[in-house]
Amino acid sequence: MNNLFSELIAKRIVATVSALLVMAIGCGAGIWQLNRAETKIALAANLLARQQMPILNANTGPVSLEEASERRMIARGQFIPEAAVWLDNRPRPMPPVGSNVSQSGFYLMMPFRIEGRDEILWVNRGWGPRNNEIREMLPPVKTPANVVNIEGIVFAHPGKVYALGEGKAVVDASKPRIEQNFDLGAEAQLHGWRQSPFILREVDMGIDDGLLREWAPLTTGVDRHYAYAFQWFALAFSGLLFWLISGLRQYWRRGVANGDQG
């Protein structure tokens, strides 16, 4: 036993340390991926629970972000299309069936004047594809000119993307506003109007306006996290096997060379 311990560990310090390092990295990364998956599942469960709470009405009075976050809300009012903001570099929420290719496009953020109240509610109306050749050619969208009813889910913001050199927006009324990210506070200062402290992500109600509202569930990517975790754990196990098998082969060869058959 002492000879075996010596051959596997004492005489193979570098190999042992390397194997331990590989196993530590593999197990650590695998556990991290499992934790990411569990976090997404918990967030999705919390979102589903909040969506099953009574539906809020934006027309009945002011609602705080803490109260409304991730809950369903209805609103009656009128869109203000001339103040729309197109958020660039947004992948299609749900790729077409049978396709794994991510298609780039825009989220259309549009202010919505709440009927009967001096307040603006920003609405993420949905996703539209971008023209890869002409960046400022926006997808055609139909916007009702009359008072309408909308429904959606409340979020603090429409999601953020990494962007370099962001600063104050320079608004040119002759061109559509294409931004990387959306800032509620900046919009309030720009327009000088009173706003709700959240945005409403509109849900699909069968409206044919040229936008897609097939929002991806929060559990999207959970299977990928599990697959990554399996790969990392497999790497750790492979490192252990390689260290053990190579050490045993070295031990047996030396035993045979020394005439030790027992």
Protein backbone atom coordinates (compact mmCIF):
# COMPACT_ATOMS: atom_id res chain seq x y z
CA MET A 1 0.00 0.00 0.00
CA ASN A 2 2.86 2.34 0.84
CA ASN A 3 4.45 1.57 -2.53
CA LEU A 4 1.17 2.30 -4.31
CA PHE A 5 0.76 5.59 -2.42
CA SER A 6 4.31 6.55 -3.28
CA GLU A 7 3.87 5.77 -7.00
CA LEU A 8 0.53 7.57 -7.31
CA ILE A 9 1.24 10.67 -5.25
CA ALA A 10 4.70 11.11 -3.76
CA LYS A 11 6.56 10.42 -7.01
CA ARG A 12 4.03 12.29 -9.15
CA ILE A 13 3.62 15.63 -7.37
CA VAL A 14 3.23 17.67 -10.55
CA ALA A 15 0.72 15.23 -12.05
CA THR A 16 -1.23 15.08 -8.78
CA VAL A 17 -1.39 18.85 -8.40
CA SER A 18 -2.45 19.21 -12.06
CA ALA A 19 -5.18 16.60 -11.63
CA LEU A 20 -6.46 18.30 -8.48
CA LEU A 21 -6.52 21.63 -10.31
CA VAL A 22 -8.49 20.16 -13.23
CA MET A 23 -10.95 18.50 -10.84
CA ALA A 24 -11.40 21.69 -8.81
CA ILE A 25 -12.03 23.80 -11.91
CA GLY A 26 -14.40 21.24 -13.42
CA CYS A 27 -16.42 20.72 -10.24
CA GLY A 28 -16.52 24.44 -9.47
CA ALA A 29 -17.71 25.38 -12.95
CA GLY A 30 -20.23 22.54 -12.96
CA ILE A 31 -21.72 23.63 -9.64
CA TRP A 32 -21.87 27.23 -10.90
CA GLN A 33 -23.83 26.12 -13.98
CA LEU A 34 -26.25 24.15 -11.80
CA ASN A 35 -26.75 27.20 -9.59
CA ARG A 36 -27.47 29.33 -12.67
CA ALA A 37 -30.12 26.85 -13.76
CA GLU A 38 -31.73 26.77 -10.31
CA THR A 39 -31.75 30.58 -10.17
CA LYS A 40 -33.56 30.78 -13.50
CA ILE A 41 -36.12 28.21 -12.38
CA ALA A 42 -36.75 30.13 -9.14
CA LEU A 43 -37.12 33.43 -11.01
CA ALA A 44 -39.56 31.85 -13.46
CA ALA A 45 -41.62 30.41 -10.60
CA ASN A 46 -41.72 33.80 -8.88
CA LEU A 47 -42.73 35.52 -12.13
CA LEU A 48 -45.54 33.00 -12.69
CA ALA A 49 -46.80 33.50 -9.14
CA ARG A 50 -46.87 37.29 -9.52
CA GLN A 51 -48.65 37.05 -12.86
CA GLN A 52 -51.42 35.07 -11.19
CA MET A 53 -52.11 37.93 -8.78
CA PRO A 54 -55.04 40.29 -9.54
CA ILE A 55 -54.51 42.33 -12.70
CA LEU A 56 -53.58 45.96 -12.08
CA ASN A 57 -55.25 48.87 -13.87
CA ALA A 58 -52.99 51.79 -14.82
CA ASN A 59 -56.01 54.10 -15.15
CA THR A 60 -57.16 53.79 -11.54
CA GLY A 61 -54.24 55.55 -9.90
CA PRO A 62 -50.48 55.65 -9.34
CA VAL A 63 -48.76 52.31 -8.73
CA SER A 64 -45.21 51.86 -7.45
CA LEU A 65 -42.62 49.67 -9.13
CA GLU A 66 -42.39 47.47 -6.04
CA GLU A 67 -46.13 46.79 -6.14
CA ALA A 68 -46.44 46.32 -9.88
CA SER A 69 -43.17 44.58 -10.82
CA GLU A 70 -43.71 41.40 -12.87
CA ARG A 71 -47.50 41.62 -12.54
CA ARG A 72 -50.07 41.85 -15.29
CA MET A 73 -51.50 45.27 -16.01
CA ILE A 74 -54.12 46.74 -18.30
CA ALA A 75 -54.22 50.32 -19.53
CA ARG A 76 -56.46 52.48 -21.68
CA GLY A 77 -55.06 55.41 -23.60
CA GLN A 78 -53.33 56.52 -26.78
CA PHE A 79 -49.90 55.86 -28.25
CA ILE A 80 -47.52 58.74 -29.09
CA PRO A 81 -45.65 57.32 -32.11
CA GLU A 82 -43.58 60.46 -32.81
CA ALA A 83 -41.69 59.91 -29.52
CA ALA A 84 -40.92 56.22 -30.13
CA VAL A 85 -37.50 54.74 -29.33
CA TRP A 86 -36.14 51.75 -31.23
CA LEU A 87 -33.78 49.61 -29.15
CA ASP A 88 -31.13 48.07 -31.40
CA ASN A 89 -29.27 44.75 -31.18
CA ARG A 90 -32.15 42.81 -29.66
CA PRO A 91 -32.35 39.15 -30.68
CA ARG A 92 -35.68 37.68 -31.62
CA PRO A 93 -37.20 36.45 -28.31
CA MET A 94 -38.34 33.11 -29.73
CA PRO A 95 -36.50 31.84 -32.85
CA PRO A 96 -38.64 30.25 -35.57
CA VAL A 97 -39.46 26.58 -35.08
CA GLY A 98 -36.57 24.43 -36.26
CA SER A 99 -34.05 27.27 -36.25
CA ASN A 100 -31.26 27.86 -33.75
CA VAL A 101 -30.02 31.01 -35.47
CA SER A 102 -30.45 34.22 -33.50
CA GLN A 103 -31.99 36.98 -35.61
CA SER A 104 -31.14 40.57 -34.72
CA GLY A 105 -33.77 43.27 -34.54
CA PHE A 106 -35.39 46.03 -32.47
CA TYR A 107 -37.65 46.46 -29.48
CA LEU A 108 -40.14 49.25 -30.12
CA MET A 109 -40.53 51.42 -27.03
CA MET A 110 -43.46 53.82 -27.38
CA PRO A 111 -45.00 56.24 -24.86
CA PHE A 112 -48.66 55.68 -24.05
CA ARG A 113 -50.77 58.53 -22.68
CA ILE A 114 -53.04 57.07 -19.99
CA GLU A 115 -56.65 58.19 -20.44
CA GLY A 116 -57.98 60.34 -17.62
CA ARG A 117 -54.57 60.86 -16.04
CA ASP A 118 -51.69 63.22 -16.70
CA GLU A 119 -49.18 60.37 -16.92
CA ILE A 120 -47.18 58.55 -19.57
CA LEU A 121 -46.64 54.80 -19.55
CA TRP A 122 -43.78 53.52 -21.69
CA VAL A 123 -44.71 50.34 -23.54
CA ASN A 124 -42.48 47.72 -25.10
CA ARG A 125 -44.77 46.97 -28.01
CA GLY A 126 -42.73 44.05 -29.34
CA TRP A 127 -39.89 42.95 -31.58
CA GLY A 128 -39.26 43.69 -35.24
CA PRO A 129 -36.45 42.47 -37.56
CA ARG A 130 -33.71 44.83 -38.70
CA ASN A 131 -32.47 45.46 -42.20
CA ASN A 132 -28.86 44.22 -42.20
CA GLU A 133 -27.89 46.50 -45.10
CA ILE A 134 -29.60 49.77 -44.13
CA ARG A 135 -29.48 50.28 -40.37
CA GLU A 136 -32.00 53.12 -40.25
CA MET A 137 -34.59 51.28 -42.35
CA LEU A 138 -37.05 50.24 -39.66
CA PRO A 139 -39.63 47.46 -39.96
CA PRO A 140 -43.13 48.64 -40.92
CA VAL A 141 -45.38 48.94 -37.87
CA LYS A 142 -49.05 49.87 -37.59
CA THR A 143 -49.93 52.17 -34.69
CA PRO A 144 -53.59 52.85 -33.86
CA ALA A 145 -54.44 56.56 -33.82
CA ASN A 146 -57.44 56.17 -31.54
CA VAL A 147 -57.78 55.31 -27.86
CA VAL A 148 -57.06 51.62 -27.26
CA ASN A 149 -56.85 49.07 -24.48
CA ILE A 150 -53.55 47.26 -23.96
CA GLU A 151 -52.34 44.55 -21.61
CA GLY A 152 -48.89 43.46 -20.56
CA ILE A 153 -46.45 42.63 -17.80
CA VAL A 154 -44.66 45.26 -15.73
CA PHE A 155 -40.85 45.38 -15.66
CA ALA A 156 -38.32 47.91 -14.39
CA HIS A 157 -36.72 48.19 -17.84
CA PRO A 158 -36.79 46.40 -21.22
CA GLY A 159 -33.42 44.72 -20.68
CA LYS A 160 -29.96 46.13 -21.26
CA VAL A 161 -27.19 45.39 -23.73
CA TYR A 162 -23.51 46.29 -23.49
CA ALA A 163 -22.77 49.56 -25.25
CA LEU A 164 -19.67 51.75 -25.54
CA GLY A 165 -19.71 55.52 -25.20
CA GLU A 166 -23.29 55.96 -24.14
CA GLY A 167 -24.23 59.49 -23.21
CA LYS A 168 -27.11 61.91 -23.48
CA ALA A 169 -29.23 61.26 -26.52
CA VAL A 170 -29.17 63.88 -29.24
CA VAL A 171 -32.66 63.89 -30.65
CA ASP A 172 -33.12 64.68 -34.33
CA ALA A 173 -36.82 65.02 -35.09
CA SER A 174 -36.18 64.20 -38.77
CA LYS A 175 -34.82 60.72 -37.97
CA PRO A 176 -36.12 57.79 -35.98
CA ARG A 177 -34.51 57.37 -32.58
CA ILE A 178 -32.35 54.25 -32.50
CA GLU A 179 -30.72 53.60 -29.14
CA GLN A 180 -28.82 50.76 -27.51
CA ASN A 181 -30.50 51.06 -24.11
CA PHE A 182 -33.49 52.77 -22.56
CA ASP A 183 -33.43 55.13 -19.58
CA LEU A 184 -36.75 56.08 -18.03
CA GLY A 185 -35.28 59.00 -16.10
CA ALA A 186 -33.60 60.43 -19.19
CA GLU A 187 -36.85 60.22 -21.14
CA ALA A 188 -38.73 62.09 -18.42
CA GLN A 189 -36.16 64.89 -18.51
CA LEU A 190 -36.12 64.99 -22.29
CA HIS A 191 -39.89 65.32 -22.69
CA GLY A 192 -40.74 67.02 -19.40
CA TRP A 193 -43.70 64.80 -18.70
CA ARG A 194 -44.83 62.68 -15.75
CA GLN A 195 -44.15 58.98 -16.21
CA SER A 196 -44.93 55.68 -14.55
CA PRO A 197 -41.81 54.31 -12.80
CA PHE A 198 -41.79 51.17 -14.94
CA ILE A 199 -42.38 49.93 -18.46
CA LEU A 200 -45.16 47.64 -19.68
CA ARG A 201 -44.13 44.74 -21.93
CA GLU A 202 -47.16 44.18 -24.10
CA VAL A 203 -48.46 40.63 -24.46
CA ASP A 204 -49.71 39.10 -27.67
CA MET A 205 -53.46 39.62 -28.02
CA GLY A 206 -53.71 38.75 -31.69
CA ILE A 207 -53.04 42.30 -32.87
CA ASP A 208 -51.62 42.41 -36.41
CA ASP A 209 -49.32 45.44 -36.19
CA GLY A 210 -46.10 43.99 -37.65
CA LEU A 211 -44.46 43.20 -34.31
CA LEU A 212 -43.74 39.90 -32.59
CA ARG A 213 -44.60 39.41 -28.93
CA GLU A 214 -43.61 35.77 -28.42
CA TRP A 215 -41.56 36.51 -25.32
CA ALA A 216 -39.07 33.86 -24.24
CA PRO A 217 -39.74 32.33 -20.80
CA LEU A 218 -37.20 32.93 -18.04
CA THR A 219 -36.37 29.22 -18.04
CA THR A 220 -34.89 29.55 -21.53
CA GLY A 221 -31.34 28.23 -21.40
CA VAL A 222 -31.83 25.94 -18.39
CA ASP A 223 -31.15 22.85 -20.51
CA ARG A 224 -27.99 24.52 -21.78
CA HIS A 225 -26.80 25.12 -18.21
CA TYR A 226 -27.38 21.45 -17.39
CA ALA A 227 -25.46 20.41 -20.50
CA TYR A 228 -22.55 22.69 -19.58
CA ALA A 229 -22.57 21.33 -16.04
CA PHE A 230 -22.35 17.77 -17.37
CA GLN A 231 -19.39 18.73 -19.56
CA TRP A 232 -17.54 20.33 -16.65
CA PHE A 233 -18.16 17.38 -14.35
CA ALA A 234 -17.06 15.04 -17.14
CA LEU A 235 -13.84 17.03 -17.47
CA ALA A 236 -13.21 16.68 -13.71
CA PHE A 237 -13.91 12.94 -13.84
CA SER A 238 -11.67 12.53 -16.89
CA GLY A 239 -8.85 14.30 -15.06
CA LEU A 240 -9.23 11.90 -12.13
CA LEU A 241 -9.30 8.85 -14.40
CA PHE A 242 -6.26 9.97 -16.38
CA TRP A 243 -4.29 10.60 -13.18
CA LEU A 244 -5.32 7.27 -11.66
CA ILE A 245 -4.80 5.09 -14.76
CA SER A 246 -1.46 6.65 -15.66
CA GLY A 247 -0.28 6.20 -12.10
CA LEU A 248 -1.38 2.57 -11.91
CA ARG A 249 0.28 1.77 -15.23
CA GLN A 250 3.51 3.33 -13.97
CA TYR A 251 3.22 1.35 -10.72
CA TRP A 252 2.65 -1.95 -12.56
CA ARG A 253 5.50 -1.35 -14.99
CA ARG A 254 7.91 -0.69 -12.16
CA GLY A 255 6.66 -3.75 -10.30
CA VAL A 256 7.23 -5.94 -13.33
CA ALA A 257 10.66 -4.44 -13.92
CA ASN A 258 11.58 -5.19 -10.29
CA GLY A 259 10.31 -8.78 -10.54
CA ASP A 260 7.45 -8.16 -8.10
CA GLN A 261 4.59 -10.32 -9.37
CA GLY A 262 2.67 -10.54 -6.09
